[in-house]
Structures are given as structure tokens and as C-alpha cells.
Amino acid sequence: MDIAVIGTGYVGLVSGACFADFGHSVACLDTNAARIETLRRGAIPFYEPGLGELVARNSQAGRLRFTTDMADAVARATVVFLAGGTPEGQGGAVDLCQVEGVVQSLAAVSYGG
């Protein structure tokens, strides 16, 4: 199965690497180009035990790739996971602005706007 994971933070990167390790083809997307370049070089931007080896193994096997291009990430995807940030907003409520922005971008790519 082809999977796109939008967001390469703790949730997105770990999930994407695990899906790839299960044998799926995974495109991990992030708008942070520096983070994507870091991941392409094989460096992990945060500490999670065993994640470096998981990412390396699946990247080398061609099951895990990293991109900043939404159209590229979702072109073949059967499933898209949103793993973007949901920081605390005013009064402690969840701020969904980042998620809403991703959904709008995804809709524009998938359905022409």
C-alpha cells in the first residue's frame, strides 16, 4: 500500500518509519525543507530509541522517502495521515490552524482546489 504521512515530527516520522517497516511504501512530507534535508541525509532531528536504524533500513530499501512537495507525496497514496502540529491555543483550546492549512493544501492538490 502507498501511504503519505504529512508531518515529520515525533508522531509523523515514527509512524511513517513503522509503516515502511511493515512493508508499505511511505512518503513523509514536511514544509520544513531543512528538516527534510536532514532526514534525507539519514540524521534524525530528535531522539527516539531505534528510530535512526528504522529510518535508515527503510530508506535504503526504497520504502521510505522524504519530500516537501504535497503533490508528490500524495500522488500514489491510498491513505494519507495528517500528523501536523496542534499547539495549545487561546484559553487552552487546541489550535487547529496548522491542520486546517494542511487539509486545504491537500484538497487543492487532490481535487483542484
PDB file of N, CA and C in Angstrom:
ATOM      1  N   MET A   1       0.839  -1.168   0.000  1.00  0.00           N
ATOM      2  CA  MET A   1       0.000   0.000   0.000  1.00  0.00           C
ATOM      3  C   MET A   1       0.890   1.238   0.000  1.00  0.00           C
ATOM      4  N   ASP A   2       0.478   2.281  -0.706  1.00  0.00           N
ATOM      5  CA  ASP A   2       1.180   3.556  -0.706  1.00  0.00           C
ATOM      6  C   ASP A   2       0.545   4.468   0.337  1.00  0.00           C
ATOM      7  N   ILE A   3       1.385   5.023   1.195  1.00  0.00           N
ATOM      8  CA  ILE A   3       0.929   5.861   2.304  1.00  0.00           C
ATOM      9  C   ILE A   3       1.665   7.187   2.251  1.00  0.00           C
ATOM     10  N   ALA A   4       0.955   8.278   2.526  1.00  0.00           N
ATOM     11  CA  ALA A   4       1.574   9.585   2.706  1.00  0.00           C
ATOM     12  C   ALA A   4       1.368   9.989   4.164  1.00  0.00           C
ATOM     13  N   VAL A   5       2.427  10.479   4.778  1.00  0.00           N
ATOM     14  CA  VAL A   5       2.351  10.992   6.147  1.00  0.00           C
ATOM     15  C   VAL A   5       2.757  12.455   6.083  1.00  0.00           C
ATOM     16  N   ILE A   6       1.843  13.320   6.458  1.00  0.00           N
ATOM     17  CA  ILE A   6       2.102  14.756   6.411  1.00  0.00           C
ATOM     18  C   ILE A   6       2.506  15.216   7.798  1.00  0.00           C
ATOM     19  N   GLY A   7       3.751  15.608   7.917  1.00  0.00           N
ATOM     20  CA  GLY A   7       4.339  15.997   9.197  1.00  0.00           C
ATOM     21  C   GLY A   7       5.428  15.008   9.568  1.00  0.00           C
ATOM     22  N   THR A   8       6.610  15.512   9.904  1.00  0.00           N
ATOM     23  CA  THR A   8       7.715  14.623  10.259  1.00  0.00           C
ATOM     24  C   THR A   8       8.221  14.897  11.668  1.00  0.00           C
ATOM     25  N   GLY A   9       7.299  15.211  12.553  1.00  0.00           N
ATOM     26  CA  GLY A   9       7.652  15.356  13.964  1.00  0.00           C
ATOM     27  C   GLY A   9       7.646  13.994  14.634  1.00  0.00           C
ATOM     28  N   TYR A  10       7.478  14.002  15.931  1.00  0.00           N
ATOM     29  CA  TYR A  10       7.508  12.749  16.684  1.00  0.00           C
ATOM     30  C   TYR A  10       6.465  11.752  16.173  1.00  0.00           C
ATOM     31  N   VAL A  11       5.256  12.186  15.958  1.00  0.00           N
ATOM     32  CA  VAL A  11       4.195  11.270  15.534  1.00  0.00           C
ATOM     33  C   VAL A  11       4.369  10.861  14.077  1.00  0.00           C
ATOM     34  N   GLY A  12       4.552  11.827  13.188  1.00  0.00           N
ATOM     35  CA  GLY A  12       4.618  11.533  11.763  1.00  0.00           C
ATOM     36  C   GLY A  12       5.813  10.698  11.358  1.00  0.00           C
ATOM     37  N   LEU A  13       6.993  11.063  11.840  1.00  0.00           N
ATOM     38  CA  LEU A  13       8.191  10.331  11.437  1.00  0.00           C
ATOM     39  C   LEU A  13       8.191   8.908  11.985  1.00  0.00           C
ATOM     40  N   VAL A  14       7.842   8.754  13.238  1.00  0.00           N
ATOM     41  CA  VAL A  14       7.805   7.414  13.830  1.00  0.00           C
ATOM     42  C   VAL A  14       6.753   6.561  13.124  1.00  0.00           C
ATOM     43  N   SER A  15       5.580   7.123  12.892  1.00  0.00           N
ATOM     44  CA  SER A  15       4.523   6.365  12.205  1.00  0.00           C
ATOM     45  C   SER A  15       4.953   5.980  10.800  1.00  0.00           C
ATOM     46  N   GLY A  16       5.496   6.938  10.057  1.00  0.00           N
ATOM     47  CA  GLY A  16       5.932   6.654   8.693  1.00  0.00           C
ATOM     48  C   GLY A  16       6.997   5.577   8.635  1.00  0.00           C
ATOM     49  N   ALA A  17       7.963   5.658   9.537  1.00  0.00           N
ATOM     50  CA  ALA A  17       9.026   4.649   9.561  1.00  0.00           C
ATOM     51  C   ALA A  17       8.471   3.268   9.902  1.00  0.00           C
ATOM     52  N   CYS A  18       7.535   3.215  10.821  1.00  0.00           N
ATOM     53  CA  CYS A  18       6.928   1.924  11.191  1.00  0.00           C
ATOM     54  C   CYS A  18       6.084   1.356  10.049  1.00  0.00           C
ATOM     55  N   PHE A  19       5.302   2.211   9.383  1.00  0.00           N
ATOM     56  CA  PHE A  19       4.524   1.733   8.231  1.00  0.00           C
ATOM     57  C   PHE A  19       5.459   1.165   7.168  1.00  0.00           C
ATOM     58  N   ALA A  20       6.565   1.853   6.922  1.00  0.00           N
ATOM     59  CA  ALA A  20       7.537   1.371   5.942  1.00  0.00           C
ATOM     60  C   ALA A  20       8.125   0.039   6.382  1.00  0.00           C
ATOM     61  N   ASP A  21       8.392  -0.098   7.661  1.00  0.00           N
ATOM     62  CA  ASP A  21       8.965  -1.346   8.162  1.00  0.00           C
ATOM     63  C   ASP A  21       7.982  -2.511   8.038  1.00  0.00           C
ATOM     64  N   PHE A  22       6.687  -2.197   7.990  1.00  0.00           N
ATOM     65  CA  PHE A  22       5.670  -3.227   7.762  1.00  0.00           C
ATOM     66  C   PHE A  22       5.589  -3.614   6.287  1.00  0.00           C
ATOM     67  N   GLY A  23       6.353  -2.896   5.429  1.00  0.00           N
ATOM     68  CA  GLY A  23       6.401  -3.227   4.016  1.00  0.00           C
ATOM     69  C   GLY A  23       5.685  -2.259   3.100  1.00  0.00           C
ATOM     70  N   HIS A  24       5.096  -1.206   3.648  1.00  0.00           N
ATOM     71  CA  HIS A  24       4.388  -0.226   2.820  1.00  0.00           C
ATOM     72  C   HIS A  24       5.360   0.776   2.212  1.00  0.00           C
ATOM     73  N   SER A  25       4.949   1.391   1.120  1.00  0.00           N
ATOM     74  CA  SER A  25       5.703   2.470   0.504  1.00  0.00           C
ATOM     75  C   SER A  25       5.206   3.774   1.114  1.00  0.00           C
ATOM     76  N   VAL A  26       6.113   4.535   1.748  1.00  0.00           N
ATOM     77  CA  VAL A  26       5.712   5.712   2.521  1.00  0.00           C
ATOM     78  C   VAL A  26       6.447   6.956   2.047  1.00  0.00           C
ATOM     79  N   ALA A  27       5.671   8.005   1.802  1.00  0.00           N
ATOM     80  CA  ALA A  27       6.223   9.330   1.532  1.00  0.00           C
ATOM     81  C   ALA A  27       5.924  10.194   2.738  1.00  0.00           C
ATOM     82  N   CYS A  28       6.962  10.711   3.379  1.00  0.00           N
ATOM     83  CA  CYS A  28       6.801  11.622   4.510  1.00  0.00           C
ATOM     84  C   CYS A  28       7.005  13.041   4.009  1.00  0.00           C
ATOM     85  N   LEU A  29       6.033  13.896   4.267  1.00  0.00           N
ATOM     86  CA  LEU A  29       6.041  15.271   3.788  1.00  0.00           C
ATOM     87  C   LEU A  29       6.187  16.237   4.948  1.00  0.00           C
ATOM     88  N   ASP A  30       6.970  17.286   4.719  1.00  0.00           N
ATOM     89  CA  ASP A  30       7.039  18.381   5.675  1.00  0.00           C
ATOM     90  C   ASP A  30       7.322  19.654   4.899  1.00  0.00           C
ATOM     91  N   THR A  31       6.813  20.780   5.362  1.00  0.00           N
ATOM     92  CA  THR A  31       7.088  22.055   4.709  1.00  0.00           C
ATOM     93  C   THR A  31       8.429  22.626   5.139  1.00  0.00           C
ATOM     94  N   ASN A  32       9.023  22.042   6.172  1.00  0.00           N
ATOM     95  CA  ASN A  32      10.313  22.482   6.673  1.00  0.00           C
ATOM     96  C   ASN A  32      11.409  21.809   5.827  1.00  0.00           C
ATOM     97  N   ALA A  33      11.912  22.543   4.838  1.00  0.00           N
ATOM     98  CA  ALA A  33      12.891  21.980   3.905  1.00  0.00           C
ATOM     99  C   ALA A  33      14.166  21.531   4.607  1.00  0.00           C
ATOM    100  N   ALA A  34      14.577  22.260   5.634  1.00  0.00           N
ATOM    101  CA  ALA A  34      15.794  21.875   6.364  1.00  0.00           C
ATOM    102  C   ALA A  34      15.605  20.526   7.049  1.00  0.00           C
ATOM    103  N   ARG A  35      14.428  20.300   7.607  1.00  0.00           N
ATOM    104  CA  ARG A  35      14.159  19.014   8.252  1.00  0.00           C
ATOM    105  C   ARG A  35      14.176  17.893   7.223  1.00  0.00           C
ATOM    106  N   ILE A  36      13.571  18.119   6.065  1.00  0.00           N
ATOM    107  CA  ILE A  36      13.549  17.092   5.021  1.00  0.00           C
ATOM    108  C   ILE A  36      14.977  16.778   4.568  1.00  0.00           C
ATOM    109  N   GLU A  37      15.811  17.777   4.387  1.00  0.00           N
ATOM    110  CA  GLU A  37      17.208  17.542   4.006  1.00  0.00           C
ATOM    111  C   GLU A  37      17.950  16.764   5.093  1.00  0.00           C
ATOM    112  N   THR A  38      17.681  17.095   6.349  1.00  0.00           N
ATOM    113  CA  THR A  38      18.286  16.356   7.466  1.00  0.00           C
ATOM    114  C   THR A  38      17.911  14.887   7.393  1.00  0.00           C
ATOM    115  N   LEU A  39      16.633  14.614   7.165  1.00  0.00           N
ATOM    116  CA  LEU A  39      16.163  13.230   7.084  1.00  0.00           C
ATOM    117  C   LEU A  39      16.733  12.512   5.864  1.00  0.00           C
ATOM    118  N   ARG A  40      16.830  13.203   4.756  1.00  0.00           N
ATOM    119  CA  ARG A  40      17.410  12.596   3.547  1.00  0.00           C
ATOM    120  C   ARG A  40      18.866  12.213   3.760  1.00  0.00           C
ATOM    121  N   ARG A  41      19.570  12.971   4.591  1.00  0.00           N
ATOM    122  CA  ARG A  41      20.971  12.646   4.914  1.00  0.00           C
ATOM    123  C   ARG A  41      21.068  11.513   5.920  1.00  0.00           C
ATOM    124  N   GLY A  42      19.937  11.096   6.467  1.00  0.00           N
ATOM    125  CA  GLY A  42      19.947   9.994   7.422  1.00  0.00           C
ATOM    126  C   GLY A  42      20.046  10.418   8.867  1.00  0.00           C
ATOM    127  N   ALA A  43      20.002  11.708   9.126  1.00  0.00           N
ATOM    128  CA  ALA A  43      20.039  12.201  10.508  1.00  0.00           C
ATOM    129  C   ALA A  43      18.606  12.341  11.027  1.00  0.00           C
ATOM    130  N   ILE A  44      18.434  12.064  12.294  1.00  0.00           N
ATOM    131  CA  ILE A  44      17.119  12.155  12.933  1.00  0.00           C
ATOM    132  C   ILE A  44      17.121  13.417  13.798  1.00  0.00           C
ATOM    133  N   PRO A  45      16.114  14.301  13.630  1.00  0.00           N
ATOM    134  CA  PRO A  45      16.139  15.592  14.319  1.00  0.00           C
ATOM    135  C   PRO A  45      15.737  15.565  15.794  1.00  0.00           C
ATOM    136  N   PHE A  46      15.438  14.407  16.323  1.00  0.00           N
ATOM    137  CA  PHE A  46      15.094  14.271  17.737  1.00  0.00           C
ATOM    138  C   PHE A  46      15.446  12.858  18.174  1.00  0.00           C
ATOM    139  N   TYR A  47      15.476  12.639  19.467  1.00  0.00           N
ATOM    140  CA  TYR A  47      15.858  11.323  19.967  1.00  0.00           C
ATOM    141  C   TYR A  47      14.631  10.431  20.162  1.00  0.00           C
ATOM    142  N   GLU A  48      14.694   9.281  19.551  1.00  0.00           N
ATOM    143  CA  GLU A  48      13.702   8.216  19.742  1.00  0.00           C
ATOM    144  C   GLU A  48      14.477   6.916  19.572  1.00  0.00           C
ATOM    145  N   PRO A  49      14.560   6.101  20.609  1.00  0.00           N
ATOM    146  CA  PRO A  49      15.379   4.884  20.543  1.00  0.00           C
ATOM    147  C   PRO A  49      15.043   4.015  19.322  1.00  0.00           C
ATOM    148  N   GLY A  50      16.069   3.676  18.549  1.00  0.00           N
ATOM    149  CA  GLY A  50      15.916   2.779  17.411  1.00  0.00           C
ATOM    150  C   GLY A  50      15.397   3.424  16.140  1.00  0.00           C
ATOM    151  N   LEU A  51      14.982   4.684  16.217  1.00  0.00           N
ATOM    152  CA  LEU A  51      14.387   5.324  15.041  1.00  0.00           C
ATOM    153  C   LEU A  51      15.397   5.514  13.916  1.00  0.00           C
ATOM    154  N   GLY A  52      16.616   5.865  14.250  1.00  0.00           N
ATOM    155  CA  GLY A  52      17.635   6.059  13.214  1.00  0.00           C
ATOM    156  C   GLY A  52      17.837   4.818  12.376  1.00  0.00           C
ATOM    157  N   GLU A  53      17.919   3.682  13.020  1.00  0.00           N
ATOM    158  CA  GLU A  53      18.107   2.424  12.304  1.00  0.00           C
ATOM    159  C   GLU A  53      16.878   2.084  11.458  1.00  0.00           C
ATOM    160  N   LEU A  54      15.701   2.341  12.004  1.00  0.00           N
ATOM    161  CA  LEU A  54      14.450   2.070  11.291  1.00  0.00           C
ATOM    162  C   LEU A  54      14.356   2.928  10.031  1.00  0.00           C
ATOM    163  N   VAL A  55      14.665   4.203  10.164  1.00  0.00           N
ATOM    164  CA  VAL A  55      14.635   5.117   9.017  1.00  0.00           C
ATOM    165  C   VAL A  55      15.690   4.713   7.990  1.00  0.00           C
ATOM    166  N   ALA A  56      16.902   4.446   8.432  1.00  0.00           N
ATOM    167  CA  ALA A  56      17.969   4.060   7.511  1.00  0.00           C
ATOM    168  C   ALA A  56      17.618   2.789   6.737  1.00  0.00           C
ATOM    169  N   ARG A  57      17.166   1.776   7.442  1.00  0.00           N
ATOM    170  CA  ARG A  57      16.846   0.490   6.803  1.00  0.00           C
ATOM    171  C   ARG A  57      15.763   0.655   5.742  1.00  0.00           C
ATOM    172  N   ASN A  58      14.722   1.400   6.058  1.00  0.00           N
ATOM    173  CA  ASN A  58      13.600   1.527   5.131  1.00  0.00           C
ATOM    174  C   ASN A  58      13.868   2.534   4.016  1.00  0.00           C
ATOM    175  N   SER A  59      14.690   3.536   4.284  1.00  0.00           N
ATOM    176  CA  SER A  59      15.106   4.455   3.222  1.00  0.00           C
ATOM    177  C   SER A  59      15.964   3.706   2.202  1.00  0.00           C
ATOM    178  N   GLN A  60      16.921   2.930   2.701  1.00  0.00           N
ATOM    179  CA  GLN A  60      17.798   2.163   1.809  1.00  0.00           C
ATOM    180  C   GLN A  60      17.025   1.128   1.007  1.00  0.00           C
ATOM    181  N   ALA A  61      15.963   0.596   1.586  1.00  0.00           N
ATOM    182  CA  ALA A  61      15.144  -0.397   0.888  1.00  0.00           C
ATOM    183  C   ALA A  61      14.171   0.247  -0.102  1.00  0.00           C
ATOM    184  N   GLY A  62      14.091   1.581  -0.094  1.00  0.00           N
ATOM    185  CA  GLY A  62      13.210   2.279  -1.021  1.00  0.00           C
ATOM    186  C   GLY A  62      11.767   2.355  -0.583  1.00  0.00           C
ATOM    187  N   ARG A  63      11.498   1.999   0.654  1.00  0.00           N
ATOM    188  CA  ARG A  63      10.121   2.045   1.159  1.00  0.00           C
ATOM    189  C   ARG A  63       9.786   3.360   1.847  1.00  0.00           C
ATOM    190  N   LEU A  64      10.789   4.169   2.176  1.00  0.00           N
ATOM    191  CA  LEU A  64      10.580   5.411   2.928  1.00  0.00           C
ATOM    192  C   LEU A  64      11.322   6.538   2.229  1.00  0.00           C
ATOM    193  N   ARG A  65      10.577   7.599   1.908  1.00  0.00           N
ATOM    194  CA  ARG A  65      11.206   8.752   1.277  1.00  0.00           C
ATOM    195  C   ARG A  65      10.652  10.027   1.894  1.00  0.00           C
ATOM    196  N   PHE A  66      11.371  11.124   1.664  1.00  0.00           N
ATOM    197  CA  PHE A  66      11.037  12.401   2.285  1.00  0.00           C
ATOM    198  C   PHE A  66      10.913  13.474   1.211  1.00  0.00           C
ATOM    199  N   THR A  67       9.898  14.329   1.344  1.00  0.00           N
ATOM    200  CA  THR A  67       9.632  15.347   0.343  1.00  0.00           C
ATOM    201  C   THR A  67       8.994  16.582   0.974  1.00  0.00           C
ATOM    202  N   THR A  68       9.112  17.710   0.250  1.00  0.00           N
ATOM    203  CA  THR A  68       8.400  18.930   0.626  1.00  0.00           C
ATOM    204  C   THR A  68       7.265  19.207  -0.361  1.00  0.00           C
ATOM    205  N   ASP A  69       7.072  18.327  -1.311  1.00  0.00           N
ATOM    206  CA  ASP A  69       6.109  18.510  -2.396  1.00  0.00           C
ATOM    207  C   ASP A  69       4.826  17.725  -2.116  1.00  0.00           C
ATOM    208  N   MET A  70       3.745  18.451  -1.802  1.00  0.00           N
ATOM    209  CA  MET A  70       2.460  17.812  -1.471  1.00  0.00           C
ATOM    210  C   MET A  70       1.981  16.917  -2.605  1.00  0.00           C
ATOM    211  N   ALA A  71       2.016  17.416  -3.842  1.00  0.00           N
ATOM    212  CA  ALA A  71       1.532  16.615  -4.977  1.00  0.00           C
ATOM    213  C   ALA A  71       2.327  15.323  -5.113  1.00  0.00           C
ATOM    214  N   ASP A  72       3.627  15.406  -4.924  1.00  0.00           N
ATOM    215  CA  ASP A  72       4.481  14.224  -4.999  1.00  0.00           C
ATOM    216  C   ASP A  72       4.141  13.235  -3.880  1.00  0.00           C
ATOM    217  N   ALA A  73       3.924  13.750  -2.695  1.00  0.00           N
ATOM    218  CA  ALA A  73       3.663  12.874  -1.540  1.00  0.00           C
ATOM    219  C   ALA A  73       2.361  12.110  -1.677  1.00  0.00           C
ATOM    220  N   VAL A  74       1.334  12.743  -2.215  1.00  0.00           N
ATOM    221  CA  VAL A  74       0.007  12.110  -2.227  1.00  0.00           C
ATOM    222  C   VAL A  74      -0.384  11.512  -3.572  1.00  0.00           C
ATOM    223  N   ALA A  75       0.463  11.668  -4.581  1.00  0.00           N
ATOM    224  CA  ALA A  75       0.107  11.226  -5.936  1.00  0.00           C
ATOM    225  C   ALA A  75      -0.341   9.770  -5.998  1.00  0.00           C
ATOM    226  N   ARG A  76       0.360   8.878  -5.313  1.00  0.00           N
ATOM    227  CA  ARG A  76       0.044   7.441  -5.358  1.00  0.00           C
ATOM    228  C   ARG A  76      -0.591   6.933  -4.074  1.00  0.00           C
ATOM    229  N   ALA A  77      -0.782   7.821  -3.114  1.00  0.00           N
ATOM    230  CA  ALA A  77      -1.219   7.384  -1.780  1.00  0.00           C
ATOM    231  C   ALA A  77      -2.648   6.855  -1.776  1.00  0.00           C
ATOM    232  N   THR A  78      -2.788   5.720  -1.140  1.00  0.00           N
ATOM    233  CA  THR A  78      -4.100   5.149  -0.877  1.00  0.00           C
ATOM    234  C   THR A  78      -4.655   5.736   0.418  1.00  0.00           C
ATOM    235  N   VAL A  79      -3.744   6.037   1.333  1.00  0.00           N
ATOM    236  CA  VAL A  79      -4.085   6.577   2.650  1.00  0.00           C
ATOM    237  C   VAL A  79      -3.169   7.761   2.928  1.00  0.00           C
ATOM    238  N   VAL A  80      -3.743   8.824   3.507  1.00  0.00           N
ATOM    239  CA  VAL A  80      -2.965   9.991   3.915  1.00  0.00           C
ATOM    240  C   VAL A  80      -3.202  10.215   5.404  1.00  0.00           C
ATOM    241  N   PHE A  81      -2.111  10.254   6.162  1.00  0.00           N
ATOM    242  CA  PHE A  81      -2.179  10.533   7.597  1.00  0.00           C
ATOM    243  C   PHE A  81      -1.719  11.966   7.838  1.00  0.00           C
ATOM    244  N   LEU A  82      -2.487  12.715   8.611  1.00  0.00           N
ATOM    245  CA  LEU A  82      -2.110  14.067   8.993  1.00  0.00           C
ATOM    246  C   LEU A  82      -1.493  14.012  10.378  1.00  0.00           C
ATOM    247  N   ALA A  83      -0.242  14.406  10.459  1.00  0.00           N
ATOM    248  CA  ALA A  83       0.468  14.370  11.733  1.00  0.00           C
ATOM    249  C   ALA A  83       1.097  15.736  12.001  1.00  0.00           C
ATOM    250  N   GLY A  84       0.318  16.774  11.722  1.00  0.00           N
ATOM    251  CA  GLY A  84       0.804  18.132  11.923  1.00  0.00           C
ATOM    252  C   GLY A  84       0.618  18.581  13.355  1.00  0.00           C
ATOM    253  N   GLY A  85       1.119  19.754  13.616  1.00  0.00           N
ATOM    254  CA  GLY A  85       1.066  20.294  14.967  1.00  0.00           C
ATOM    255  C   GLY A  85      -0.317  20.775  15.380  1.00  0.00           C
ATOM    256  N   THR A  86      -0.601  20.589  16.640  1.00  0.00           N
ATOM    257  CA  THR A  86      -1.832  21.102  17.238  1.00  0.00           C
ATOM    258  C   THR A  86      -1.467  21.785  18.556  1.00  0.00           C
ATOM    259  N   PRO A  87      -0.811  22.942  18.449  1.00  0.00           N
ATOM    260  CA  PRO A  87      -0.384  23.625  19.675  1.00  0.00           C
ATOM    261  C   PRO A  87      -1.575  24.123  20.491  1.00  0.00           C
ATOM    262  N   GLU A  88      -1.290  24.446  21.726  1.00  0.00           N
ATOM    263  CA  GLU A  88      -2.332  24.981  22.592  1.00  0.00           C
ATOM    264  C   GLU A  88      -2.673  26.396  22.145  1.00  0.00           C
ATOM    265  N   GLY A  89      -3.941  26.652  21.975  1.00  0.00           N
ATOM    266  CA  GLY A  89      -4.396  27.967  21.558  1.00  0.00           C
ATOM    267  C   GLY A  89      -4.872  28.784  22.745  1.00  0.00           C
ATOM    268  N   GLN A  90      -5.609  29.805  22.444  1.00  0.00           N
ATOM    269  CA  GLN A  90      -6.117  30.717  23.455  1.00  0.00           C
ATOM    270  C   GLN A  90      -7.027  29.985  24.441  1.00  0.00           C
ATOM    271  N   GLY A  91      -6.790  30.198  25.720  1.00  0.00           N
ATOM    272  CA  GLY A  91      -7.615  29.588  26.756  1.00  0.00           C
ATOM    273  C   GLY A  91      -7.412  28.092  26.920  1.00  0.00           C
ATOM    274  N   GLY A  92      -6.342  27.560  26.336  1.00  0.00           N
ATOM    275  CA  GLY A  92      -6.067  26.139  26.477  1.00  0.00           C
ATOM    276  C   GLY A  92      -6.700  25.263  25.405  1.00  0.00           C
ATOM    277  N   ALA A  93      -7.476  25.839  24.507  1.00  0.00           N
ATOM    278  CA  ALA A  93      -8.103  25.061  23.433  1.00  0.00           C
ATOM    279  C   ALA A  93      -7.042  24.644  22.422  1.00  0.00           C
ATOM    280  N   VAL A  94      -7.311  23.597  21.703  1.00  0.00           N
ATOM    281  CA  VAL A  94      -6.396  23.125  20.666  1.00  0.00           C
ATOM    282  C   VAL A  94      -6.483  24.070  19.471  1.00  0.00           C
ATOM    283  N   ASP A  95      -5.337  24.501  18.986  1.00  0.00           N
ATOM    284  CA  ASP A  95      -5.254  25.363  17.813  1.00  0.00           C
ATOM    285  C   ASP A  95      -5.114  24.475  16.577  1.00  0.00           C
ATOM    286  N   LEU A  96      -6.151  24.437  15.766  1.00  0.00           N
ATOM    287  CA  LEU A  96      -6.170  23.564  14.592  1.00  0.00           C
ATOM    288  C   LEU A  96      -5.769  24.284  13.301  1.00  0.00           C
ATOM    289  N   CYS A  97      -5.208  25.484  13.403  1.00  0.00           N
ATOM    290  CA  CYS A  97      -4.832  26.249  12.206  1.00  0.00           C
ATOM    291  C   CYS A  97      -3.895  25.471  11.295  1.00  0.00           C
ATOM    292  N   GLN A  98      -2.896  24.812  11.869  1.00  0.00           N
ATOM    293  CA  GLN A  98      -1.948  24.057  11.047  1.00  0.00           C
ATOM    294  C   GLN A  98      -2.637  22.894  10.338  1.00  0.00           C
ATOM    295  N   VAL A  99      -3.486  22.192  11.036  1.00  0.00           N
ATOM    296  CA  VAL A  99      -4.202  21.061  10.446  1.00  0.00           C
ATOM    297  C   VAL A  99      -5.140  21.551   9.348  1.00  0.00           C
ATOM    298  N   GLU A 100      -5.844  22.649   9.612  1.00  0.00           N
ATOM    299  CA  GLU A 100      -6.750  23.201   8.604  1.00  0.00           C
ATOM    300  C   GLU A 100      -5.989  23.631   7.352  1.00  0.00           C
ATOM    301  N   GLY A 101      -4.802  24.209   7.537  1.00  0.00           N
ATOM    302  CA  GLY A 101      -3.974  24.597   6.398  1.00  0.00           C
ATOM    303  C   GLY A 101      -3.537  23.404   5.565  1.00  0.00           C
ATOM    304  N   VAL A 102      -3.179  22.323   6.242  1.00  0.00           N
ATOM    305  CA  VAL A 102      -2.782  21.104   5.538  1.00  0.00           C
ATOM    306  C   VAL A 102      -3.962  20.532   4.756  1.00  0.00           C
ATOM    307  N   VAL A 103      -5.126  20.523   5.357  1.00  0.00           N
ATOM    308  CA  VAL A 103      -6.315  19.998   4.678  1.00  0.00           C
ATOM    309  C   VAL A 103      -6.630  20.830   3.437  1.00  0.00           C
ATOM    310  N   GLN A 104      -6.504  22.133   3.548  1.00  0.00           N
ATOM    311  CA  GLN A 104      -6.751  22.998   2.369  1.00  0.00           C
ATOM    312  C   GLN A 104      -5.735  22.722   1.263  1.00  0.00           C
ATOM    313  N   SER A 105      -4.467  22.562   1.629  1.00  0.00           N
ATOM    314  CA  SER A 105      -3.432  22.243   0.649  1.00  0.00           C
ATOM    315  C   SER A 105      -3.674  20.881   0.010  1.00  0.00           C
ATOM    316  N   LEU A 106      -4.055  19.931   0.814  1.00  0.00           N
ATOM    317  CA  LEU A 106      -4.336  18.583   0.321  1.00  0.00           C
ATOM    318  C   LEU A 106      -5.521  18.603  -0.640  1.00  0.00           C
ATOM    319  N   ALA A 107      -6.561  19.340  -0.299  1.00  0.00           N
ATOM    320  CA  ALA A 107      -7.729  19.445  -1.172  1.00  0.00           C
ATOM    321  C   ALA A 107      -7.364  20.107  -2.501  1.00  0.00           C
ATOM    322  N   ALA A 108      -6.534  21.130  -2.449  1.00  0.00           N
ATOM    323  CA  ALA A 108      -6.132  21.824  -3.677  1.00  0.00           C
ATOM    324  C   ALA A 108      -5.362  20.891  -4.609  1.00  0.00           C
ATOM    325  N   VAL A 109      -4.502  20.054  -4.036  1.00  0.00           N
ATOM    326  CA  VAL A 109      -3.709  19.109  -4.836  1.00  0.00           C
ATOM    327  C   VAL A 109      -4.580  17.964  -5.333  1.00  0.00           C
ATOM    328  N   SER A 110      -5.448  17.462  -4.481  1.00  0.00           N
ATOM    329  CA  SER A 110      -6.223  16.266  -4.796  1.00  0.00           C
ATOM    330  C   SER A 110      -7.457  16.554  -5.653  1.00  0.00           C
ATOM    331  N   TYR A 111      -8.066  17.705  -5.434  1.00  0.00           N
ATOM    332  CA  TYR A 111      -9.335  17.990  -6.095  1.00  0.00           C
ATOM    333  C   TYR A 111      -9.327  19.284  -6.894  1.00  0.00           C
ATOM    334  N   GLY A 112      -8.171  19.889  -7.033  1.00  0.00           N
ATOM    335  CA  GLY A 112      -8.069  21.109  -7.816  1.00  0.00           C
ATOM    336  C   GLY A 112      -8.570  22.348  -7.098  1.00  0.00           C
ATOM    337  N   GLY A 113      -8.645  22.281  -5.778  1.00  0.00           N
ATOM    338  CA  GLY A 113      -8.994  23.496  -5.041  1.00  0.00           C
ATOM    339  C   GLY A 113     -10.287  23.397  -4.355  1.00  0.00           C
TER     340      GLY A 113
END
